[in-house]
C-alpha atoms as a PDB file:
ATOM      1  CA  MET A   1       0.000   0.000   0.000  1.00  0.00           C
ATOM      2  CA  CYS A   2       1.174   3.515  -0.757  1.00  0.00           C
ATOM      3  CA  THR A   3       2.207   5.309   2.431  1.00  0.00           C
ATOM      4  CA  THR A   4       1.690   9.047   2.233  1.00  0.00           C
ATOM      5  CA  HIS A   5       2.978  11.638   4.688  1.00  0.00           C
ATOM      6  CA  ASP A   6       0.621  14.586   4.199  1.00  0.00           C
ATOM      7  CA  VAL A   7       2.258  17.017   6.592  1.00  0.00           C
ATOM      8  CA  ASN A   8       0.916  20.524   7.054  1.00  0.00           C
ATOM      9  CA  ASN A   9       2.520  23.398   8.875  1.00  0.00           C
ATOM     10  CA  ASP A  10      -0.273  25.623  10.174  1.00  0.00           C
ATOM     11  CA  THR A  11       2.073  28.133  11.769  1.00  0.00           C
ATOM     12  CA  GLU A  12       2.437  31.062   9.410  1.00  0.00           C
ATOM     13  CA  SER A  13       5.282  33.496   9.858  1.00  0.00           C
ATOM     14  CA  ASP A  14       4.669  37.220   9.735  1.00  0.00           C
ATOM     15  CA  ASP A  15       7.471  37.284   7.169  1.00  0.00           C
ATOM     16  CA  PRO A  16       6.569  35.153   4.122  1.00  0.00           C
ATOM     17  CA  ARG A  17      10.241  35.042   3.127  1.00  0.00           C
ATOM     18  CA  GLY A  18      11.724  34.009   6.450  1.00  0.00           C
ATOM     19  CA  GLY A  19      13.859  37.125   6.738  1.00  0.00           C
ATOM     20  CA  TYR A  20      15.400  36.761   3.273  1.00  0.00           C
ATOM     21  CA  ARG A  21      15.861  39.864   1.135  1.00  0.00           C
ATOM     22  CA  LEU A  22      16.457  40.099  -2.577  1.00  0.00           C
ATOM     23  CA  ALA A  23      19.827  41.373  -3.773  1.00  0.00           C
ATOM     24  CA  THR A  24      18.337  43.459  -6.552  1.00  0.00           C
ATOM     25  CA  ASP A  25      21.598  44.112  -8.411  1.00  0.00           C
ATOM     26  CA  TRP A  26      22.780  40.506  -8.574  1.00  0.00           C
ATOM     27  CA  PRO A  27      24.448  39.378 -10.794  1.00  0.00           C
ATOM     28  CA  HIS A  28      26.377  41.973 -12.814  1.00  0.00           C
ATOM     29  CA  TYR A  29      26.208  40.535 -16.297  1.00  0.00           C
ATOM     30  CA  PRO A  30      29.158  41.511 -18.504  1.00  0.00           C
ATOM     31  CA  ALA A  31      28.644  43.700 -21.544  1.00  0.00           C
ATOM     32  CA  GLY A  32      27.470  41.667 -24.498  1.00  0.00           C
ATOM     33  CA  MET A  33      26.310  38.632 -22.519  1.00  0.00           C
ATOM     34  CA  GLN A  34      23.279  37.066 -24.183  1.00  0.00           C
ATOM     35  CA  PHE A  35      21.094  34.161 -23.109  1.00  0.00           C
ATOM     36  CA  GLU A  36      17.435  33.235 -23.094  1.00  0.00           C
ATOM     37  CA  MET A  37      16.931  31.894 -19.567  1.00  0.00           C
ATOM     38  CA  GLY A  38      18.572  30.418 -16.511  1.00  0.00           C
ATOM     39  CA  SER A  39      18.325  26.691 -16.048  1.00  0.00           C
ATOM     40  CA  GLY A  40      20.790  25.570 -13.392  1.00  0.00           C
ATOM     41  CA  VAL A  41      22.871  26.950 -10.549  1.00  0.00           C
ATOM     42  CA  ALA A  42      25.599  25.532  -8.290  1.00  0.00           C
ATOM     43  CA  VAL A  43      28.070  26.909  -5.739  1.00  0.00           C
ATOM     44  CA  ASP A  44      31.548  25.503  -5.071  1.00  0.00           C
ATOM     45  CA  ASP A  45      33.512  25.402  -1.813  1.00  0.00           C
ATOM     46  CA  ASP A  46      35.212  28.695  -2.677  1.00  0.00           C
ATOM     47  CA  GLY A  47      31.876  30.469  -3.005  1.00  0.00           C
ATOM     48  CA  VAL A  48      31.952  30.755  -6.783  1.00  0.00           C
ATOM     49  CA  ILE A  49      28.437  30.652  -8.244  1.00  0.00           C
ATOM     50  CA  TYR A  50      27.993  28.827 -11.568  1.00  0.00           C
ATOM     51  CA  LEU A  51      25.039  29.775 -13.742  1.00  0.00           C
ATOM     52  CA  PHE A  52      23.940  27.257 -16.381  1.00  0.00           C
ATOM     53  CA  THR A  53      22.126  29.241 -19.059  1.00  0.00           C
ATOM     54  CA  ARG A  54      20.214  28.287 -22.165  1.00  0.00           C
ATOM     55  CA  ASP A  55      21.771  30.769 -24.544  1.00  0.00           C
ATOM     56  CA  VAL A  56      19.753  29.522 -27.513  1.00  0.00           C
ATOM     57  CA  GLU A  57      16.645  27.430 -26.825  1.00  0.00           C
ATOM     58  CA  HIS A  58      16.450  24.203 -28.812  1.00  0.00           C
ATOM     59  CA  TRP A  59      13.269  23.303 -30.663  1.00  0.00           C
ATOM     60  CA  ALA A  60      13.519  19.596 -31.425  1.00  0.00           C
ATOM     61  CA  ALA A  61      15.776  16.964 -29.944  1.00  0.00           C
ATOM     62  CA  HIS A  62      16.457  14.896 -33.045  1.00  0.00           C
ATOM     63  CA  PRO A  63      19.447  15.240 -35.402  1.00  0.00           C
ATOM     64  CA  LEU A  64      17.242  15.674 -38.468  1.00  0.00           C
ATOM     65  CA  ALA A  65      15.586  18.682 -36.857  1.00  0.00           C
ATOM     66  CA  MET A  66      18.734  20.349 -35.555  1.00  0.00           C
ATOM     67  CA  LYS A  67      19.109  22.355 -38.726  1.00  0.00           C
ATOM     68  CA  ASP A  68      15.908  24.226 -37.824  1.00  0.00           C
ATOM     69  CA  LYS A  69      17.254  25.683 -34.592  1.00  0.00           C
ATOM     70  CA  MET A  70      20.397  24.606 -32.794  1.00  0.00           C
ATOM     71  CA  GLY A  71      20.507  24.870 -29.046  1.00  0.00           C
ATOM     72  CA  LYS A  72      23.447  26.101 -27.026  1.00  0.00           C
ATOM     73  CA  SER A  73      24.044  26.328 -23.289  1.00  0.00           C
ATOM     74  CA  SER A  74      26.956  27.811 -21.379  1.00  0.00           C
ATOM     75  CA  ILE A  75      28.215  28.131 -17.807  1.00  0.00           C
ATOM     76  CA  SER A  76      29.248  31.484 -16.370  1.00  0.00           C
ATOM     77  CA  MET A  77      30.903  32.245 -13.034  1.00  0.00           C
ATOM     78  CA  PHE A  78      30.068  35.011 -10.545  1.00  0.00           C
ATOM     79  CA  ASN A  79      30.981  35.816  -6.966  1.00  0.00           C
ATOM     80  CA  ARG A  80      28.666  36.636  -4.088  1.00  0.00           C
ATOM     81  CA  ASP A  81      28.840  40.342  -4.864  1.00  0.00           C
ATOM     82  CA  GLY A  82      27.720  39.648  -8.415  1.00  0.00           C
ATOM     83  CA  ALA A  83      31.053  40.271 -10.160  1.00  0.00           C
ATOM     84  CA  TYR A  84      31.520  38.311 -13.368  1.00  0.00           C
ATOM     85  CA  LEU A  85      34.434  35.857 -13.193  1.00  0.00           C
ATOM     86  CA  GLY A  86      34.311  34.537 -16.752  1.00  0.00           C
ATOM     87  CA  LYS A  87      33.122  31.443 -18.553  1.00  0.00           C
ATOM     88  CA  TRP A  88      33.798  28.056 -17.014  1.00  0.00           C
ATOM     89  CA  GLY A  89      35.710  25.288 -18.769  1.00  0.00           C
ATOM     90  CA  GLN A  90      36.055  24.429 -22.428  1.00  0.00           C
ATOM     91  CA  SER A  91      32.960  23.779 -24.524  1.00  0.00           C
ATOM     92  CA  ASP A  92      32.090  22.700 -28.053  1.00  0.00           C
ATOM     93  CA  GLU A  93      29.752  24.255 -30.618  1.00  0.00           C
ATOM     94  CA  HIS A  94      26.740  23.495 -28.410  1.00  0.00           C
ATOM     95  CA  GLY A  95      28.380  24.926 -25.303  1.00  0.00           C
ATOM     96  CA  PHE A  96      27.903  22.484 -22.469  1.00  0.00           C
ATOM     97  CA  ALA A  97      24.531  21.251 -23.663  1.00  0.00           C
ATOM     98  CA  LEU A  98      22.006  21.425 -26.464  1.00  0.00           C
ATOM     99  CA  GLY A  99      19.334  22.161 -23.872  1.00  0.00           C
ATOM    100  CA  GLY A 100      20.901  22.703 -20.461  1.00  0.00           C
ATOM    101  CA  HIS A 101      18.777  21.468 -17.564  1.00  0.00           C
ATOM    102  CA  THR A 102      20.742  21.249 -14.303  1.00  0.00           C
ATOM    103  CA  ILE A 103      24.291  21.493 -12.945  1.00  0.00           C
ATOM    104  CA  TYR A 104      25.741  19.873  -9.820  1.00  0.00           C
ATOM    105  CA  ILE A 105      28.999  19.953  -7.887  1.00  0.00           C
ATOM    106  CA  GLU A 106      29.459  16.719  -5.961  1.00  0.00           C
ATOM    107  CA  LYS A 107      31.356  16.051  -2.709  1.00  0.00           C
ATOM    108  CA  ASP A 108      34.509  15.181  -4.663  1.00  0.00           C
ATOM    109  CA  ALA A 109      34.338  18.594  -6.400  1.00  0.00           C
ATOM    110  CA  MET A 110      33.452  17.027  -9.756  1.00  0.00           C
ATOM    111  CA  PHE A 111      30.906  18.837 -11.934  1.00  0.00           C
ATOM    112  CA  TRP A 112      27.908  17.204 -13.609  1.00  0.00           C
ATOM    113  CA  THR A 113      25.540  18.598 -16.227  1.00  0.00           C
ATOM    114  CA  THR A 114      22.298  17.258 -17.643  1.00  0.00           C
ATOM    115  CA  ASP A 115      21.370  18.003 -21.249  1.00  0.00           C
ATOM    116  CA  ARG A 116      17.640  17.523 -21.685  1.00  0.00           C
ATOM    117  CA  ASP A 117      17.569  18.001 -25.452  1.00  0.00           C
ATOM    118  CA  GLY A 118      20.932  16.426 -26.171  1.00  0.00           C
ATOM    119  CA  HIS A 119      19.994  13.354 -24.065  1.00  0.00           C
ATOM    120  CA  THR A 120      23.307  13.217 -22.244  1.00  0.00           C
ATOM    121  CA  VAL A 121      24.707  13.495 -18.730  1.00  0.00           C
ATOM    122  CA  ARG A 122      28.314  14.626 -18.524  1.00  0.00           C
ATOM    123  CA  LYS A 123      30.981  14.659 -15.814  1.00  0.00           C
ATOM    124  CA  PHE A 124      33.790  17.242 -15.682  1.00  0.00           C
ATOM    125  CA  ASP A 125      36.721  17.980 -13.435  1.00  0.00           C
ATOM    126  CA  PRO A 126      36.832  21.407 -11.743  1.00  0.00           C
ATOM    127  CA  ALA A 127      38.756  22.862 -14.701  1.00  0.00           C
ATOM    128  CA  GLY A 128      36.024  21.858 -17.122  1.00  0.00           C
ATOM    129  CA  ASN A 129      37.726  18.852 -18.702  1.00  0.00           C
ATOM    130  CA  GLU A 130      35.171  16.214 -19.679  1.00  0.00           C
ATOM    131  CA  LEU A 131      35.691  12.890 -17.916  1.00  0.00           C
ATOM    132  CA  LEU A 132      32.563  10.876 -18.718  1.00  0.00           C
ATOM    133  CA  THR A 133      29.473  11.022 -20.931  1.00  0.00           C
ATOM    134  CA  LEU A 134      26.339   8.964 -20.308  1.00  0.00           C
ATOM    135  CA  GLY A 135      23.883   8.637 -23.189  1.00  0.00           C
ATOM    136  CA  GLU A 136      24.409   9.370 -26.875  1.00  0.00           C
ATOM    137  CA  PHE A 137      24.301  12.998 -27.939  1.00  0.00           C
ATOM    138  CA  GLY A 138      21.193  13.896 -29.939  1.00  0.00           C
ATOM    139  CA  GLN A 139      19.853  10.311 -29.851  1.00  0.00           C
ATOM    140  CA  TRP A 140      16.868   9.533 -27.662  1.00  0.00           C
ATOM    141  CA  GLY A 141      15.824   6.099 -26.437  1.00  0.00           C
ATOM    142  CA  ASP A 142      14.769   3.965 -23.462  1.00  0.00           C
ATOM    143  CA  ASP A 143      17.542   1.398 -23.126  1.00  0.00           C
ATOM    144  CA  GLU A 144      20.861   0.948 -21.316  1.00  0.00           C
ATOM    145  CA  GLY A 145      22.708   3.460 -23.459  1.00  0.00           C
ATOM    146  CA  HIS A 146      20.123   6.151 -24.194  1.00  0.00           C
ATOM    147  CA  PHE A 147      17.963   8.684 -22.381  1.00  0.00           C
ATOM    148  CA  ASN A 148      14.909  10.640 -23.467  1.00  0.00           C
ATOM    149  CA  GLY A 149      15.259  14.009 -21.772  1.00  0.00           C
ATOM    150  CA  PRO A 150      17.445  13.450 -18.680  1.00  0.00           C
ATOM    151  CA  THR A 151      16.669  15.960 -15.943  1.00  0.00           C
ATOM    152  CA  ALA A 152      18.931  15.350 -12.938  1.00  0.00           C
ATOM    153  CA  VAL A 153      21.877  13.324 -11.623  1.00  0.00           C
ATOM    154  CA  ALA A 154      23.236  12.419  -8.201  1.00  0.00           C
ATOM    155  CA  VAL A 155      26.247  10.428  -7.005  1.00  0.00           C
ATOM    156  CA  GLN A 156      25.841   8.004  -4.102  1.00  0.00           C
ATOM    157  CA  ASP A 157      28.410   7.438  -1.361  1.00  0.00           C
ATOM    158  CA  ASP A 158      29.727   4.318  -3.117  1.00  0.00           C
ATOM    159  CA  GLY A 159      30.253   6.287  -6.335  1.00  0.00           C
ATOM    160  CA  SER A 160      27.212   4.908  -8.138  1.00  0.00           C
ATOM    161  CA  ILE A 161      25.594   7.421 -10.487  1.00  0.00           C
ATOM    162  CA  VAL A 162      21.809   7.862 -10.476  1.00  0.00           C
ATOM    163  CA  VAL A 163      20.226   9.645 -13.443  1.00  0.00           C
ATOM    164  CA  ALA A 164      16.633  10.858 -13.550  1.00  0.00           C
ATOM    165  CA  ASP A 165      15.573  10.057 -17.122  1.00  0.00           C
ATOM    166  CA  GLY A 166      12.508  12.087 -16.661  1.00  0.00           C
ATOM    167  CA  TYR A 167      11.219  14.365 -19.363  1.00  0.00           C
ATOM    168  CA  TRP A 168       9.926  11.824 -21.873  1.00  0.00           C
ATOM    169  CA  ASN A 169      10.886   8.626 -20.052  1.00  0.00           C
ATOM    170  CA  SER A 170       9.759   7.730 -16.527  1.00  0.00           C
ATOM    171  CA  ARG A 171      12.643   6.060 -14.765  1.00  0.00           C
ATOM    172  CA  LEU A 172      15.826   6.334 -12.717  1.00  0.00           C
ATOM    173  CA  VAL A 173      18.960   4.714 -14.137  1.00  0.00           C
ATOM    174  CA  TRP A 174      21.971   3.510 -12.122  1.00  0.00           C
ATOM    175  CA  PHE A 175      25.535   3.414 -13.469  1.00  0.00           C
ATOM    176  CA  SER A 176      28.867   2.403 -11.987  1.00  0.00           C
ATOM    177  CA  PRO A 177      31.461   5.126 -11.312  1.00  0.00           C
ATOM    178  CA  ASP A 178      32.960   4.230 -14.709  1.00  0.00           C
ATOM    179  CA  GLY A 179      29.632   4.619 -16.476  1.00  0.00           C
ATOM    180  CA  GLU A 180      28.630   0.972 -16.828  1.00  0.00           C
ATOM    181  CA  PHE A 181      24.878   0.355 -16.740  1.00  0.00           C
ATOM    182  CA  ILE A 182      23.637  -1.278 -13.509  1.00  0.00           C
ATOM    183  CA  ARG A 183      19.850  -1.122 -13.526  1.00  0.00           C
ATOM    184  CA  SER A 184      16.777   0.887 -14.417  1.00  0.00           C
ATOM    185  CA  VAL A 185      14.003   1.523 -11.887  1.00  0.00           C
ATOM    186  CA  GLY A 186      10.509   2.783 -12.574  1.00  0.00           C
ATOM    187  CA  ARG A 187       7.952   3.046 -15.346  1.00  0.00           C
ATOM    188  CA  TRP A 188       4.994   5.242 -16.281  1.00  0.00           C
ATOM    189  CA  GLY A 189       2.321   5.297 -13.548  1.00  0.00           C
ATOM    190  CA  ARG A 190       1.363   6.627 -10.130  1.00  0.00           C
ATOM    191  CA  GLY A 191       1.924   3.543  -8.042  1.00  0.00           C
ATOM    192  CA  PRO A 192       4.797   3.175  -5.574  1.00  0.00           C
ATOM    193  CA  GLY A 193       8.073   3.397  -7.456  1.00  0.00           C
ATOM    194  CA  GLU A 194       6.366   4.456 -10.683  1.00  0.00           C
ATOM    195  CA  PHE A 195       6.775   7.916 -12.163  1.00  0.00           C
ATOM    196  CA  ASN A 196       5.203  10.425 -14.479  1.00  0.00           C
ATOM    197  CA  THR A 197       7.998  12.972 -14.847  1.00  0.00           C
ATOM    198  CA  PRO A 198      10.911  12.585 -12.395  1.00  0.00           C
ATOM    199  CA  HIS A 199      12.111  16.179 -12.757  1.00  0.00           C
ATOM    200  CA  ALA A 200      14.627  16.394  -9.908  1.00  0.00           C
ATOM    201  CA  ILE A 201      16.395  14.092  -7.452  1.00  0.00           C
ATOM    202  CA  THR A 202      18.466  14.543  -4.327  1.00  0.00           C
ATOM    203  CA  ILE A 203      20.112  12.247  -1.792  1.00  0.00           C
ATOM    204  CA  ASP A 204      19.281  13.014   1.821  1.00  0.00           C
ATOM    205  CA  SER A 205      21.488  12.738   4.921  1.00  0.00           C
ATOM    206  CA  GLN A 206      20.588   9.051   5.310  1.00  0.00           C
ATOM    207  CA  GLY A 207      21.338   8.089   1.712  1.00  0.00           C
ATOM    208  CA  ARG A 208      17.688   7.938   0.654  1.00  0.00           C
ATOM    209  CA  ILE A 209      16.823   9.139  -2.834  1.00  0.00           C
ATOM    210  CA  LEU A 210      14.090  11.766  -3.106  1.00  0.00           C
ATOM    211  CA  VAL A 211      12.373  12.223  -6.458  1.00  0.00           C
ATOM    212  CA  ALA A 212      10.315  15.240  -7.516  1.00  0.00           C
ATOM    213  CA  ASP A 213       7.665  13.455  -9.582  1.00  0.00           C
ATOM    214  CA  LEU A 214       5.532  15.833 -11.625  1.00  0.00           C
ATOM    215  CA  VAL A 215       2.138  15.012 -13.087  1.00  0.00           C
ATOM    216  CA  GLY A 216       2.158  14.998 -16.871  1.00  0.00           C
ATOM    217  CA  GLY A 217       4.199  13.299 -19.519  1.00  0.00           C
ATOM    218  CA  ASP A 218       4.376  15.470 -22.629  1.00  0.00           C
ATOM    219  CA  PHE A 219       6.133  18.532 -21.214  1.00  0.00           C
ATOM    220  CA  HIS A 220       7.428  20.815 -23.967  1.00  0.00           C
ATOM    221  CA  ASP A 221       6.297  18.464 -26.697  1.00  0.00           C
ATOM    222  CA  TYR A 222       7.215  21.150 -29.226  1.00  0.00           C
ATOM    223  CA  MET A 223      10.819  20.201 -28.432  1.00  0.00           C
ATOM    224  CA  THR A 224      10.257  16.678 -29.726  1.00  0.00           C
ATOM    225  CA  VAL A 225       9.624  14.854 -32.973  1.00  0.00           C
ATOM    226  CA  PRO A 226       6.831  12.380 -33.809  1.00  0.00           C
ATOM    227  CA  GLY A 227       7.221   9.134 -31.917  1.00  0.00           C
ATOM    228  CA  GLN A 228       9.465  10.532 -29.223  1.00  0.00           C
ATOM    229  CA  ILE A 229       6.655  10.810 -26.663  1.00  0.00           C
ATOM    230  CA  ALA A 230       4.685   7.622 -26.039  1.00  0.00           C
ATOM    231  CA  GLY A 231       0.957   8.062 -26.570  1.00  0.00           C
ATOM    232  CA  TYR A 232      -0.034   6.834 -23.114  1.00  0.00           C
ATOM    233  CA  ARG A 233       1.915   9.703 -21.514  1.00  0.00           C
ATOM    234  CA  ARG A 234      -0.527  12.282 -22.870  1.00  0.00           C
ATOM    235  CA  THR A 235      -3.505  11.275 -20.712  1.00  0.00           C
ATOM    236  CA  PRO A 236      -2.632  11.426 -16.990  1.00  0.00           C
ATOM    237  CA  GLU A 237      -5.455  10.750 -14.554  1.00  0.00           C
ATOM    238  CA  ARG A 238      -7.141  13.891 -13.217  1.00  0.00           C
ATOM    239  CA  ALA A 239      -6.664  12.850  -9.590  1.00  0.00           C
ATOM    240  CA  TRP A 240      -2.892  12.502  -9.881  1.00  0.00           C
ATOM    241  CA  ARG A 241      -0.796  14.982  -7.908  1.00  0.00           C
ATOM    242  CA  HIS A 242       2.780  16.207  -7.917  1.00  0.00           C
ATOM    243  CA  ARG A 243       4.685  14.406  -5.168  1.00  0.00           C
ATOM    244  CA  ILE A 244       8.063  13.614  -3.651  1.00  0.00           C
ATOM    245  CA  GLN A 245       8.791   9.900  -3.604  1.00  0.00           C
ATOM    246  CA  ARG A 246      11.404   8.538  -1.201  1.00  0.00           C
ATOM    247  CA  LEU A 247      13.410   5.488  -2.246  1.00  0.00           C
ATOM    248  CA  ASP A 248      16.153   3.530  -0.538  1.00  0.00           C
ATOM    249  CA  PRO A 249      19.665   3.626  -2.079  1.00  0.00           C
ATOM    250  CA  ASP A 250      18.786   0.711  -4.375  1.00  0.00           C
ATOM    251  CA  GLY A 251      15.626   2.395  -5.655  1.00  0.00           C
ATOM    252  CA  THR A 252      13.035   0.530  -3.568  1.00  0.00           C
ATOM    253  CA  TYR A 253      10.010   2.645  -2.674  1.00  0.00           C
ATOM    254  CA  ILE A 254       9.735   3.803   0.961  1.00  0.00           C
ATOM    255  CA  ASP A 255       6.938   6.371   1.036  1.00  0.00           C
ATOM    256  CA  GLU A 256       5.896   9.685  -0.473  1.00  0.00           C
ATOM    257  CA  TRP A 257       5.063  13.267   0.469  1.00  0.00           C
ATOM    258  CA  THR A 258       2.222  15.088  -1.225  1.00  0.00           C
ATOM    259  CA  HIS A 259       2.021  18.303   0.800  1.00  0.00           C
ATOM    260  CA  VAL A 260       4.323  20.176  -1.573  1.00  0.00           C
ATOM    261  CA  MET A 261       4.293  20.525  -5.355  1.00  0.00           C
ATOM    262  CA  PRO A 262       7.978  20.080  -6.187  1.00  0.00           C
ATOM    263  CA  LEU A 263       9.883  21.230  -9.247  1.00  0.00           C
ATOM    264  CA  SER A 264      13.397  21.143  -7.771  1.00  0.00           C
ATOM    265  CA  LEU A 265      15.093  19.495  -4.781  1.00  0.00           C
ATOM    266  CA  ALA A 266      18.333  20.047  -2.867  1.00  0.00           C
ATOM    267  CA  THR A 267      19.768  18.650   0.366  1.00  0.00           C
ATOM    268  CA  TYR A 268      21.591  20.753   2.952  1.00  0.00           C
ATOM    269  CA  GLY A 269      22.432  18.875   6.144  1.00  0.00           C
ATOM    270  CA  SER A 270      19.288  17.147   7.380  1.00  0.00           C
ATOM    271  CA  GLU A 271      16.978  19.483   5.460  1.00  0.00           C
ATOM    272  CA  ILE A 272      15.391  19.184   2.040  1.00  0.00           C
ATOM    273  CA  TYR A 273      14.926  22.374   0.045  1.00  0.00           C
ATOM    274  CA  ALA A 274      11.937  21.759  -2.224  1.00  0.00           C
ATOM    275  CA  SER A 275      10.236  24.163  -4.563  1.00  0.00           C
ATOM    276  CA  ASP A 276       6.521  24.346  -3.860  1.00  0.00           C
ATOM    277  CA  LYS A 277       4.008  25.493  -6.468  1.00  0.00           C
ATOM    278  CA  MET A 278       6.967  26.436  -8.652  1.00  0.00           C
ATOM    279  CA  SER A 279       7.847  29.830  -7.111  1.00  0.00           C
ATOM    280  CA  ASN A 280       7.901  29.081  -3.363  1.00  0.00           C
ATOM    281  CA  LEU A 281      10.529  27.267  -1.305  1.00  0.00           C
ATOM    282  CA  ALA A 282       9.593  24.767   1.398  1.00  0.00           C
ATOM    283  CA  ILE A 283      12.334  23.640   3.774  1.00  0.00           C
ATOM    284  CA  LEU A 284      11.552  20.143   5.031  1.00  0.00           C
ATOM    285  CA  ASP A 285      12.917  17.875   7.744  1.00  0.00           C
ATOM    286  CA  ASP A 286      14.384  14.953   5.813  1.00  0.00           C
ATOM    287  CA  GLU A 287      13.030  12.373   8.247  1.00  0.00           C
ATOM    288  CA  SER A 288       9.441  13.460   8.779  1.00  0.00           C
ATOM    289  CA  GLY A 289       8.839  15.767   5.818  1.00  0.00           C
ATOM    290  CA  GLU A 290       7.586  18.450   8.215  1.00  0.00           C
ATOM    291  CA  VAL A 291       7.790  21.981   6.842  1.00  0.00           C
ATOM    292  CA  ILE A 292      10.390  23.732   9.003  1.00  0.00           C
ATOM    293  CA  ASN A 293      10.385  27.033   7.164  1.00  0.00           C
ATOM    294  CA  ARG A 294       9.197  28.671   3.980  1.00  0.00           C
ATOM    295  CA  VAL A 295      10.633  31.308   1.670  1.00  0.00           C
ATOM    296  CA  ASP A 296       7.792  32.275  -0.628  1.00  0.00           C
ATOM    297  CA  ASP A 297       7.708  33.934  -4.042  1.00  0.00           C
ATOM    298  CA  ILE A 298      11.447  34.025  -4.720  1.00  0.00           C
ATOM    299  CA  ALA A 299      11.472  33.079  -8.401  1.00  0.00           C
ATOM    300  CA  ILE A 300       9.143  32.625 -11.332  1.00  0.00           C
ATOM    301  CA  TYR A 301      10.101  28.963 -11.349  1.00  0.00           C
ATOM    302  CA  ILE A 302      12.650  27.557  -8.915  1.00  0.00           C
ATOM    303  CA  HIS A 303      14.115  25.323 -11.607  1.00  0.00           C
ATOM    304  CA  GLN A 304      17.236  24.789  -9.525  1.00  0.00           C
ATOM    305  CA  LEU A 305      18.403  26.209  -6.210  1.00  0.00           C
ATOM    306  CA  ALA A 306      21.786  26.376  -4.494  1.00  0.00           C
ATOM    307  CA  MET A 307      23.038  27.701  -1.153  1.00  0.00           C
ATOM    308  CA  ASP A 308      26.430  29.247  -0.385  1.00  0.00           C
ATOM    309  CA  GLN A 309      28.494  29.146   2.813  1.00  0.00           C
ATOM    310  CA  HIS A 310      26.743  32.282   4.100  1.00  0.00           C
ATOM    311  CA  GLY A 311      23.299  30.744   3.758  1.00  0.00           C
ATOM    312  CA  ASP A 312      22.395  32.862   0.731  1.00  0.00           C
ATOM    313  CA  LEU A 313      20.003  31.243  -1.740  1.00  0.00           C
ATOM    314  CA  TYR A 314      20.498  31.355  -5.512  1.00  0.00           C
ATOM    315  CA  THR A 315      17.805  30.444  -8.017  1.00  0.00           C
ATOM    316  CA  ALA A 316      17.750  29.669 -11.719  1.00  0.00           C
ATOM    317  CA  SER A 317      14.388  30.334 -13.339  1.00  0.00           C
ATOM    318  CA  VAL A 318      13.161  29.195 -16.754  1.00  0.00           C
ATOM    319  CA  TYR A 319      10.538  30.809 -19.009  1.00  0.00           C
ATOM    320  CA  PRO A 320      10.222  34.216 -17.282  1.00  0.00           C
ATOM    321  CA  GLU A 321       7.684  35.278 -19.908  1.00  0.00           C
ATOM    322  CA  HIS A 322       5.162  33.063 -18.105  1.00  0.00           C
ATOM    323  CA  ALA A 323       5.038  35.813 -15.478  1.00  0.00           C
ATOM    324  CA  GLY A 324       5.203  38.680 -17.947  1.00  0.00           C
ATOM    325  CA  GLU A 325       8.947  39.180 -17.457  1.00  0.00           C
ATOM    326  CA  LYS A 326      11.727  39.411 -20.028  1.00  0.00           C
ATOM    327  CA  ARG A 327      14.184  36.723 -21.005  1.00  0.00           C
ATOM    328  CA  GLY A 328      17.920  37.276 -20.834  1.00  0.00           C
ATOM    329  CA  VAL A 329      19.887  39.881 -18.923  1.00  0.00           C
ATOM    330  CA  GLU A 330      16.851  42.155 -18.462  1.00  0.00           C
ATOM    331  CA  GLY A 331      14.785  39.453 -16.785  1.00  0.00           C
ATOM    332  CA  PRO A 332      14.777  37.566 -13.453  1.00  0.00           C
ATOM    333  CA  SER A 333      16.460  34.362 -14.626  1.00  0.00           C
ATOM    334  CA  HIS A 334      18.931  34.443 -11.712  1.00  0.00           C
ATOM    335  CA  ARG A 335      18.362  35.732  -8.204  1.00  0.00           C
ATOM    336  CA  ARG A 336      20.216  35.889  -4.895  1.00  0.00           C
ATOM    337  CA  TRP A 337      18.394  36.018  -1.565  1.00  0.00           C
ATOM    338  CA  THR A 338      20.183  36.790   1.720  1.00  0.00           C
ATOM    339  CA  ARG A 339      19.398  37.350   5.386  1.00  0.00           C
ATOM    340  CA  GLU A 340      22.336  39.709   5.762  1.00  0.00           C
ATOM    341  CA  ALA A 341      22.143  43.470   5.385  1.00  0.00           C
ATOM    342  CA  ILE A 342      22.298  44.668   1.793  1.00  0.00           C
ATOM    343  CA  ASP A 343      24.105  47.912   1.090  1.00  0.00           C
END
């Protein structure tokens, strides 16, 4: 039977943002910088903030369609004050992705990127040298060597790599540290251990895997070609809800939380930072799921969130036009929120 923790926090703070204030002049984009939207954000141990931007949005994830509009994504570096530190690493004609989705810096300081439209997950050293590629660039599929819109990646304590193959597939895929396929877990559905759209994953303080499982299966179908999205994905049941599923390290279902509507997930200590209704942040106890704190209305979409050593929050937000805002440097694709005084 599906076990659901439906936890509600009835205590409302007088401050809907928990004391956080927006740094309105962050970041300071360099002259000539152009991009369409933010997609990912990460912070390293030195406090450098890495912004993963979709510089050119990609319209169809199949080689035959690439001639219509090529995608390109890049990674830029900034400090806490917003100063531009340059581009990160070496990239090819597509930048670091055809359709950048998320970026991560793991405990060993290695960088990982997910390329939704290029169907690859890539590992880099801190200098930006590519060490490993999972999936085949520009080729979608549902087997041991292909993804169909990968969304997130996490590395377990034993070095195993877990990929959320979540945009147009509905599974998690395990690989060895060297990139050898281990197993695939999940299929389309709303039962325990089944998924609609596993959009984000994180590993909590106990090694459990948390999955942000969104209702719907044909997200951004204009990015695809005929046959790429299975027909059954287009008719989700009306009663289905966004949820966070918790799995053990091997991918076995534990339980689920349905009191938040997650788009992104991150772990800091024993707390889970989960977007809620896209623009709000719910901070959850990773054992009970209880809402410890909230920081509301901090982004158009909290597509990815990162925290620095000062406790500042950084967000990457896709599709700002959905809230009537501009794309690129004039819009709110990247934000910094702090509890410290702002000059």
